[in-house]
PDB file of N, CA and C in Angstrom:
ATOM      1  N   MET A   1     -20.055-133.540 246.506  1.00  0.00           N
ATOM      2  CA  MET A   1     -20.841-134.081 245.402  1.00  0.00           C
ATOM      3  C   MET A   1     -22.277-134.334 245.851  1.00  0.00           C
ATOM      4  N   ASP A   2     -22.439-134.968 247.031  1.00  0.00           N
ATOM      5  CA  ASP A   2     -23.787-135.268 247.524  1.00  0.00           C
ATOM      6  C   ASP A   2     -24.566-133.988 247.800  1.00  0.00           C
ATOM      7  N   ALA A   3     -23.895-132.980 248.321  1.00  0.00           N
ATOM      8  CA  ALA A   3     -24.565-131.712 248.615  1.00  0.00           C
ATOM      9  C   ALA A   3     -25.089-131.072 247.324  1.00  0.00           C
ATOM     10  N   GLU A   4     -24.319-131.202 246.259  1.00  0.00           N
ATOM     11  CA  GLU A   4     -24.742-130.632 244.977  1.00  0.00           C
ATOM     12  C   GLU A   4     -26.002-131.328 244.456  1.00  0.00           C
ATOM     13  N   ILE A   5     -26.061-132.635 244.611  1.00  0.00           N
ATOM     14  CA  ILE A   5     -27.237-133.404 244.183  1.00  0.00           C
ATOM     15  C   ILE A   5     -28.456-132.995 245.001  1.00  0.00           C
ATOM     16  N   VAL A   6     -28.266-132.865 246.304  1.00  0.00           N
ATOM     17  CA  VAL A   6     -29.372-132.478 247.191  1.00  0.00           C
ATOM     18  C   VAL A   6     -29.873-131.075 246.827  1.00  0.00           C
ATOM     19  N   ILE A   7     -28.949-130.165 246.584  1.00  0.00           N
ATOM     20  CA  ILE A   7     -29.336-128.794 246.219  1.00  0.00           C
ATOM     21  C   ILE A   7     -30.100-128.790 244.898  1.00  0.00           C
ATOM     22  N   ASN A   8     -29.608-129.557 243.920  1.00  0.00           N
ATOM     23  CA  ASN A   8     -30.299-129.626 242.628  1.00  0.00           C
ATOM     24  C   ASN A   8     -31.695-130.221 242.776  1.00  0.00           C
ATOM     25  N   LEU A   9     -31.834-131.261 243.599  1.00  0.00           N
ATOM     26  CA  LEU A   9     -33.151-131.859 243.836  1.00  0.00           C
ATOM     27  C   LEU A   9     -34.081-130.849 244.499  1.00  0.00           C
ATOM     28  N   TYR A  10     -33.546-130.113 245.471  1.00  0.00           N
ATOM     29  CA  TYR A  10     -34.340-129.103 246.174  1.00  0.00           C
ATOM     30  C   TYR A  10     -34.801-128.012 245.203  1.00  0.00           C
ATOM     31  N   LEU A  11     -33.880-127.508 244.376  1.00  0.00           N
ATOM     32  CA  LEU A  11     -34.228-126.454 243.425  1.00  0.00           C
ATOM     33  C   LEU A  11     -35.253-126.940 242.404  1.00  0.00           C
ATOM     34  N   THR A  12     -35.117-128.185 241.956  1.00  0.00           N
ATOM     35  CA  THR A  12     -36.085-128.756 241.014  1.00  0.00           C
ATOM     36  C   THR A  12     -37.456-128.857 241.650  1.00  0.00           C
ATOM     37  N   ALA A  13     -37.499-129.321 242.903  1.00  0.00           N
ATOM     38  CA  ALA A  13     -38.775-129.434 243.614  1.00  0.00           C
ATOM     39  C   ALA A  13     -39.402-128.060 243.814  1.00  0.00           C
ATOM     40  N   LYS A  14     -38.590-127.053 244.171  1.00  0.00           N
ATOM     41  CA  LYS A  14     -39.111-125.699 244.367  1.00  0.00           C
ATOM     42  C   LYS A  14     -39.669-125.133 243.063  1.00  0.00           C
ATOM     43  N   LYS A  15     -38.962-125.384 241.950  1.00  0.00           N
ATOM     44  CA  LYS A  15     -39.425-124.887 240.657  1.00  0.00           C
ATOM     45  C   LYS A  15     -40.749-125.546 240.285  1.00  0.00           C
ATOM     46  N   LYS A  16     -40.863-126.858 240.523  1.00  0.00           N
ATOM     47  CA  LYS A  16     -42.120-127.554 240.218  1.00  0.00           C
ATOM     48  C   LYS A  16     -43.255-127.011 241.074  1.00  0.00           C
ATOM     49  N   GLU A  17     -42.971-126.748 242.344  1.00  0.00           N
ATOM     50  CA  GLU A  17     -43.987-126.202 243.248  1.00  0.00           C
ATOM     51  C   GLU A  17     -44.418-124.810 242.779  1.00  0.00           C
ATOM     52  N   MET A  18     -43.454-123.969 242.397  1.00  0.00           N
ATOM     53  CA  MET A  18     -43.773-122.624 241.919  1.00  0.00           C
ATOM     54  C   MET A  18     -44.587-122.700 240.630  1.00  0.00           C
ATOM     55  N   ASP A  19     -44.198-123.588 239.719  1.00  0.00           N
ATOM     56  CA  ASP A  19     -44.951-123.754 238.473  1.00  0.00           C
ATOM     57  C   ASP A  19     -46.380-124.194 238.756  1.00  0.00           C
ATOM     58  N   ARG A  20     -46.549-125.106 239.722  1.00  0.00           N
ATOM     59  CA  ARG A  20     -47.887-125.585 240.072  1.00  0.00           C
ATOM     60  C   ARG A  20     -48.726-124.454 240.651  1.00  0.00           C
ATOM     61  N   MET A  21     -48.129-123.649 241.539  1.00  0.00           N
ATOM     62  CA  MET A  21     -48.858-122.539 242.149  1.00  0.00           C
ATOM     63  C   MET A  21     -49.250-121.501 241.097  1.00  0.00           C
ATOM     64  N   LEU A  22     -48.324-121.187 240.188  1.00  0.00           N
ATOM     65  CA  LEU A  22     -48.631-120.223 239.132  1.00  0.00           C
ATOM     66  C   LEU A  22     -49.724-120.759 238.218  1.00  0.00           C
ATOM     67  N   TRP A  23     -49.684-122.062 237.930  1.00  0.00           N
ATOM     68  CA  TRP A  23     -50.703-122.673 237.081  1.00  0.00           C
ATOM     69  C   TRP A  23     -52.068-122.591 237.754  1.00  0.00           C
ATOM     70  N   GLU A  24     -52.134-122.898 239.054  1.00  0.00           N
ATOM     71  CA  GLU A  24     -53.407-122.827 239.777  1.00  0.00           C
ATOM     72  C   GLU A  24     -53.937-121.400 239.790  1.00  0.00           C
ATOM     73  N   GLU A  25     -53.050-120.435 240.019  1.00  0.00           N
ATOM     74  CA  GLU A  25     -53.468-119.030 240.040  1.00  0.00           C
ATOM     75  C   GLU A  25     -53.958-118.605 238.661  1.00  0.00           C
ATOM     76  N   TRP A  26     -53.238-119.014 237.628  1.00  0.00           N
ATOM     77  CA  TRP A  26     -53.627-118.692 236.256  1.00  0.00           C
ATOM     78  C   TRP A  26     -55.004-119.265 235.948  1.00  0.00           C
ATOM     79  N   CYS A  27     -55.241-120.521 236.331  1.00  0.00           N
ATOM     80  CA  CYS A  27     -56.537-121.161 236.085  1.00  0.00           C
ATOM     81  C   CYS A  27     -57.650-120.438 236.840  1.00  0.00           C
ATOM     82  N   ALA A  28     -57.369-120.031 238.063  1.00  0.00           N
ATOM     83  CA  ALA A  28     -58.383-119.352 238.869  1.00  0.00           C
ATOM     84  C   ALA A  28     -58.737-117.994 238.275  1.00  0.00           C
ATOM     85  N   LEU A  29     -57.780-117.342 237.631  1.00  0.00           N
ATOM     86  CA  LEU A  29     -58.018-116.004 237.090  1.00  0.00           C
ATOM     87  C   LEU A  29     -58.675-116.009 235.715  1.00  0.00           C
ATOM     88  N   GLN A  30     -58.722-117.159 235.053  1.00  0.00           N
ATOM     89  CA  GLN A  30     -59.226-117.182 233.681  1.00  0.00           C
ATOM     90  C   GLN A  30     -60.630-116.607 233.514  1.00  0.00           C
ATOM     91  N   PRO A  31     -61.606-116.962 234.373  1.00  0.00           N
ATOM     92  CA  PRO A  31     -62.943-116.377 234.172  1.00  0.00           C
ATOM     93  C   PRO A  31     -62.921-114.854 234.239  1.00  0.00           C
ATOM     94  N   TYR A  32     -62.106-114.307 235.156  1.00  0.00           N
ATOM     95  CA  TYR A  32     -62.034-112.856 235.295  1.00  0.00           C
ATOM     96  C   TYR A  32     -61.349-112.227 234.085  1.00  0.00           C
ATOM     97  N   CYS A  33     -60.314-112.876 233.579  1.00  0.00           N
ATOM     98  CA  CYS A  33     -59.607-112.343 232.413  1.00  0.00           C
ATOM     99  C   CYS A  33     -60.542-112.289 231.212  1.00  0.00           C
ATOM    100  N   ASN A  34     -61.340-113.346 231.032  1.00  0.00           N
ATOM    101  CA  ASN A  34     -62.235-113.388 229.884  1.00  0.00           C
ATOM    102  C   ASN A  34     -63.308-112.320 229.977  1.00  0.00           C
ATOM    103  N   GLU A  35     -63.764-111.993 231.196  1.00  0.00           N
ATOM    104  CA  GLU A  35     -64.770-110.942 231.350  1.00  0.00           C
ATOM    105  C   GLU A  35     -64.152-109.560 231.201  1.00  0.00           C
ATOM    106  N   THR A  36     -62.961-109.391 231.757  1.00  0.00           N
ATOM    107  CA  THR A  36     -62.350-108.068 231.786  1.00  0.00           C
ATOM    108  C   THR A  36     -61.701-107.701 230.458  1.00  0.00           C
ATOM    109  N   PHE A  37     -61.011-108.647 229.857  1.00  0.00           N
ATOM    110  CA  PHE A  37     -60.326-108.388 228.591  1.00  0.00           C
ATOM    111  C   PHE A  37     -60.787-109.393 227.537  1.00  0.00           C
ATOM    112  N   PRO A  38     -62.055-109.302 227.077  1.00  0.00           N
ATOM    113  CA  PRO A  38     -62.547-110.320 226.139  1.00  0.00           C
ATOM    114  C   PRO A  38     -61.784-110.343 224.820  1.00  0.00           C
ATOM    115  N   GLN A  39     -61.312-109.184 224.350  1.00  0.00           N
ATOM    116  CA  GLN A  39     -60.633-109.201 223.056  1.00  0.00           C
ATOM    117  C   GLN A  39     -59.205-109.724 223.153  1.00  0.00           C
ATOM    118  N   PHE A  40     -58.704-109.928 224.377  1.00  0.00           N
ATOM    119  CA  PHE A  40     -57.364-110.497 224.543  1.00  0.00           C
ATOM    120  C   PHE A  40     -57.437-111.957 224.982  1.00  0.00           C
ATOM    121  N   LYS A  41     -58.577-112.593 224.744  1.00  0.00           N
ATOM    122  CA  LYS A  41     -58.778-113.959 225.221  1.00  0.00           C
ATOM    123  C   LYS A  41     -57.708-114.904 224.667  1.00  0.00           C
ATOM    124  N   HIS A  42     -57.276-114.655 223.429  1.00  0.00           N
ATOM    125  CA  HIS A  42     -56.289-115.536 222.812  1.00  0.00           C
ATOM    126  C   HIS A  42     -54.909-115.372 223.444  1.00  0.00           C
ATOM    127  N   LYS A  43     -54.696-114.289 224.167  1.00  0.00           N
ATOM    128  CA  LYS A  43     -53.395-114.073 224.806  1.00  0.00           C
ATOM    129  C   LYS A  43     -53.448-114.558 226.239  1.00  0.00           C
ATOM    130  N   ARG A  44     -52.447-115.232 226.665  1.00  0.00           N
ATOM    131  CA  ARG A  44     -52.363-115.698 228.048  1.00  0.00           C
ATOM    132  C   ARG A  44     -51.185-115.030 228.727  1.00  0.00           C
ATOM    133  N   GLU A  45     -51.184-113.704 228.680  1.00  0.00           N
ATOM    134  CA  GLU A  45     -50.125-112.918 229.295  1.00  0.00           C
ATOM    135  C   GLU A  45     -50.740-111.612 229.749  1.00  0.00           C
ATOM    136  N   ASN A  46     -50.012-110.860 230.498  1.00  0.00           N
ATOM    137  CA  ASN A  46     -50.525-109.568 230.942  1.00  0.00           C
ATOM    138  C   ASN A  46     -50.641-108.649 229.736  1.00  0.00           C
ATOM    139  N   PRO A  47     -51.771-107.954 229.601  1.00  0.00           N
ATOM    140  CA  PRO A  47     -51.891-107.037 228.468  1.00  0.00           C
ATOM    141  C   PRO A  47     -50.916-105.871 228.614  1.00  0.00           C
ATOM    142  N   THR A  48     -50.471-105.372 227.485  1.00  0.00           N
ATOM    143  CA  THR A  48     -49.560-104.229 227.519  1.00  0.00           C
ATOM    144  C   THR A  48     -50.348-102.973 227.869  1.00  0.00           C
ATOM    145  N   GLN A  49     -49.630-101.916 228.215  1.00  0.00           N
ATOM    146  CA  GLN A  49     -50.287-100.646 228.548  1.00  0.00           C
ATOM    147  C   GLN A  49     -51.132-100.154 227.374  1.00  0.00           C
ATOM    148  N   GLU A  50     -50.613-100.358 226.164  1.00  0.00           N
ATOM    149  CA  GLU A  50     -51.343 -99.920 224.971  1.00  0.00           C
ATOM    150  C   GLU A  50     -52.656-100.695 224.827  1.00  0.00           C
ATOM    151  N   GLN A  51     -52.621-102.009 225.090  1.00  0.00           N
ATOM    152  CA  GLN A  51     -53.831-102.823 225.005  1.00  0.00           C
ATOM    153  C   GLN A  51     -54.836-102.418 226.075  1.00  0.00           C
ATOM    154  N   VAL A  52     -54.340-102.127 227.276  1.00  0.00           N
ATOM    155  CA  VAL A  52     -55.235-101.698 228.356  1.00  0.00           C
ATOM    156  C   VAL A  52     -55.891-100.373 227.984  1.00  0.00           C
ATOM    157  N   LYS A  53     -55.105 -99.442 227.430  1.00  0.00           N
ATOM    158  CA  LYS A  53     -55.654 -98.147 227.018  1.00  0.00           C
ATOM    159  C   LYS A  53     -56.692 -98.343 225.922  1.00  0.00           C
ATOM    160  N   GLN A  54     -56.390 -99.219 224.965  1.00  0.00           N
ATOM    161  CA  GLN A  54     -57.326 -99.505 223.874  1.00  0.00           C
ATOM    162  C   GLN A  54     -58.624-100.081 224.434  1.00  0.00           C
ATOM    163  N   TYR A  55     -58.504-100.975 225.408  1.00  0.00           N
ATOM    164  CA  TYR A  55     -59.693-101.563 226.030  1.00  0.00           C
ATOM    165  C   TYR A  55     -60.491-100.501 226.781  1.00  0.00           C
ATOM    166  N   ASN A  56     -59.797 -99.684 227.565  1.00  0.00           N
ATOM    167  CA  ASN A  56     -60.482 -98.640 228.330  1.00  0.00           C
ATOM    168  C   ASN A  56     -61.181 -97.641 227.415  1.00  0.00           C
ATOM    169  N   ASP A  57     -60.564 -97.352 226.268  1.00  0.00           N
ATOM    170  CA  ASP A  57     -61.192 -96.438 225.318  1.00  0.00           C
ATOM    171  C   ASP A  57     -62.402 -97.072 224.645  1.00  0.00           C
ATOM    172  N   SER A  58     -62.389 -98.405 224.516  1.00  0.00           N
ATOM    173  CA  SER A  58     -63.475 -99.080 223.804  1.00  0.00           C
ATOM    174  C   SER A  58     -64.732 -99.220 224.656  1.00  0.00           C
ATOM    175  N   ILE A  59     -64.577 -99.278 225.987  1.00  0.00           N
ATOM    176  CA  ILE A  59     -65.762 -99.414 226.831  1.00  0.00           C
ATOM    177  C   ILE A  59     -66.307 -98.037 227.162  1.00  0.00           C
ATOM    178  N   GLU A  60     -67.592 -97.999 227.431  1.00  0.00           N
ATOM    179  CA  GLU A  60     -68.223 -96.709 227.715  1.00  0.00           C
ATOM    180  C   GLU A  60     -67.896 -96.289 229.138  1.00  0.00           C
ATOM    181  N   GLN A  61     -67.348 -95.106 229.276  1.00  0.00           N
ATOM    182  CA  GLN A  61     -66.994 -94.585 230.595  1.00  0.00           C
ATOM    183  C   GLN A  61     -68.042 -93.558 231.009  1.00  0.00           C
ATOM    184  N   THR A  62     -68.549 -93.715 232.215  1.00  0.00           N
ATOM    185  CA  THR A  62     -69.501 -92.723 232.705  1.00  0.00           C
ATOM    186  C   THR A  62     -68.711 -91.526 233.214  1.00  0.00           C
ATOM    187  N   PRO A  63     -69.095 -90.332 232.825  1.00  0.00           N
ATOM    188  CA  PRO A  63     -68.347 -89.159 233.306  1.00  0.00           C
ATOM    189  C   PRO A  63     -68.525 -88.994 234.810  1.00  0.00           C
ATOM    190  N   LYS A  64     -67.411 -88.809 235.491  1.00  0.00           N
ATOM    191  CA  LYS A  64     -67.457 -88.668 236.946  1.00  0.00           C
ATOM    192  C   LYS A  64     -67.635 -87.196 237.282  1.00  0.00           C
ATOM    193  N   GLN A  65     -68.620 -86.929 238.124  1.00  0.00           N
ATOM    194  CA  GLN A  65     -68.831 -85.542 238.518  1.00  0.00           C
ATOM    195  C   GLN A  65     -67.989 -85.240 239.746  1.00  0.00           C
ATOM    196  N   LYS A  66     -67.517 -84.031 239.798  1.00  0.00           N
ATOM    197  CA  LYS A  66     -66.688 -83.621 240.921  1.00  0.00           C
ATOM    198  C   LYS A  66     -67.591 -83.204 242.080  1.00  0.00           C
ATOM    199  N   LEU A  67     -67.277 -83.707 243.260  1.00  0.00           N
ATOM    200  CA  LEU A  67     -68.076 -83.373 244.435  1.00  0.00           C
ATOM    201  C   LEU A  67     -67.648 -82.020 244.996  1.00  0.00           C
ATOM    202  N   THR A  68     -68.606 -81.338 245.584  1.00  0.00           N
ATOM    203  CA  THR A  68     -68.268 -80.085 246.255  1.00  0.00           C
ATOM    204  C   THR A  68     -67.645 -80.415 247.606  1.00  0.00           C
ATOM    205  N   LYS A  69     -67.039 -79.432 248.210  1.00  0.00           N
ATOM    206  CA  LYS A  69     -66.396 -79.619 249.510  1.00  0.00           C
ATOM    207  C   LYS A  69     -67.412 -80.087 250.550  1.00  0.00           C
ATOM    208  N   GLU A  70     -68.607 -79.504 250.519  1.00  0.00           N
ATOM    209  CA  GLU A  70     -69.646 -79.862 251.490  1.00  0.00           C
ATOM    210  C   GLU A  70     -70.081 -81.321 251.321  1.00  0.00           C
ATOM    211  N   GLU A  71     -70.212 -81.765 250.060  1.00  0.00           N
ATOM    212  CA  GLU A  71     -70.612 -83.155 249.808  1.00  0.00           C
ATOM    213  C   GLU A  71     -69.549 -84.130 250.312  1.00  0.00           C
ATOM    214  N   VAL A  72     -68.289 -83.771 250.112  1.00  0.00           N
ATOM    215  CA  VAL A  72     -67.197 -84.623 250.594  1.00  0.00           C
ATOM    216  C   VAL A  72     -67.241 -84.715 252.115  1.00  0.00           C
ATOM    217  N   PHE A  73     -67.390 -83.569 252.791  1.00  0.00           N
ATOM    218  CA  PHE A  73     -67.452 -83.576 254.254  1.00  0.00           C
ATOM    219  C   PHE A  73     -68.660 -84.366 254.748  1.00  0.00           C
ATOM    220  N   ALA A  74     -69.791 -84.263 254.040  1.00  0.00           N
ATOM    221  CA  ALA A  74     -70.992 -85.003 254.435  1.00  0.00           C
ATOM    222  C   ALA A  74     -70.754 -86.504 254.327  1.00  0.00           C
ATOM    223  N   ARG A  75     -70.100 -86.927 253.251  1.00  0.00           N
ATOM    224  CA  ARG A  75     -69.809 -88.362 253.089  1.00  0.00           C
ATOM    225  C   ARG A  75     -68.843 -88.856 254.158  1.00  0.00           C
ATOM    226  N   VAL A  76     -67.819 -88.065 254.428  1.00  0.00           N
ATOM    227  CA  VAL A  76     -66.843 -88.452 255.453  1.00  0.00           C
ATOM    228  C   VAL A  76     -67.518 -88.551 256.812  1.00  0.00           C
ATOM    229  N   ALA A  77     -68.375 -87.585 257.137  1.00  0.00           N
ATOM    230  CA  ALA A  77     -69.082 -87.609 258.421  1.00  0.00           C
ATOM    231  C   ALA A  77     -69.983 -88.834 258.513  1.00  0.00           C
ATOM    232  N   LYS A  78     -70.630 -89.179 257.417  1.00  0.00           N
ATOM    233  CA  LYS A  78     -71.513 -90.351 257.397  1.00  0.00           C
ATOM    234  C   LYS A  78     -70.703 -91.631 257.642  1.00  0.00           C
ATOM    235  N   ILE A  79     -69.555 -91.730 256.973  1.00  0.00           N
ATOM    236  CA  ILE A  79     -68.699 -92.915 257.141  1.00  0.00           C
ATOM    237  C   ILE A  79     -68.173 -92.987 258.568  1.00  0.00           C
ATOM    238  N   ARG A  80     -67.718 -91.854 259.101  1.00  0.00           N
ATOM    239  CA  ARG A  80     -67.200 -91.840 260.477  1.00  0.00           C
ATOM    240  C   ARG A  80     -68.299 -92.181 261.467  1.00  0.00           C
ATOM    241  N   GLY A  81     -69.512 -91.721 261.195  1.00  0.00           N
ATOM    242  CA  GLY A  81     -70.640 -92.036 262.069  1.00  0.00           C
ATOM    243  C   GLY A  81     -70.917 -93.523 262.096  1.00  0.00           C
ATOM    244  N   LYS A  82     -70.835 -94.169 260.930  1.00  0.00           N
ATOM    245  CA  LYS A  82     -71.055 -95.619 260.858  1.00  0.00           C
ATOM    246  C   LYS A  82     -69.937 -96.362 261.574  1.00  0.00           C
ATOM    247  N   ALA A  83     -68.714 -95.855 261.449  1.00  0.00           N
ATOM    248  CA  ALA A  83     -67.579 -96.516 262.089  1.00  0.00           C
ATOM    249  C   ALA A  83     -67.677 -96.411 263.603  1.00  0.00           C
ATOM    250  N   GLY A  84     -68.269 -95.342 264.105  1.00  0.00           N
ATOM    251  CA  GLY A  84     -68.374 -95.143 265.545  1.00  0.00           C
ATOM    252  C   GLY A  84     -69.509 -95.910 266.191  1.00  0.00           C
ATOM    253  N   GLU A  85     -70.390 -96.502 265.371  1.00  0.00           N
ATOM    254  CA  GLU A  85     -71.539 -97.226 265.935  1.00  0.00           C
ATOM    255  C   GLU A  85     -71.119 -98.458 266.688  1.00  0.00           C
TER     256      GLU A  85
END
């Protein structure tokens, strides 16, 4: 009987600790959520894939140009050169 009480107290304490940690993380992420997903501000949950796609379609995307093989090798060589310094 005593072991059951101790286990229940432990589980309750762990749940409270997890809730507190999740709450702190949620609070810390709020400024980023409001900047990244302004139209989902009223929702306090992860956006669905459809909402993310809708958001990505709504913002202006700069077209990415494909690099040539030589440009890729030049960038890699530059990075490796910096790493070797």
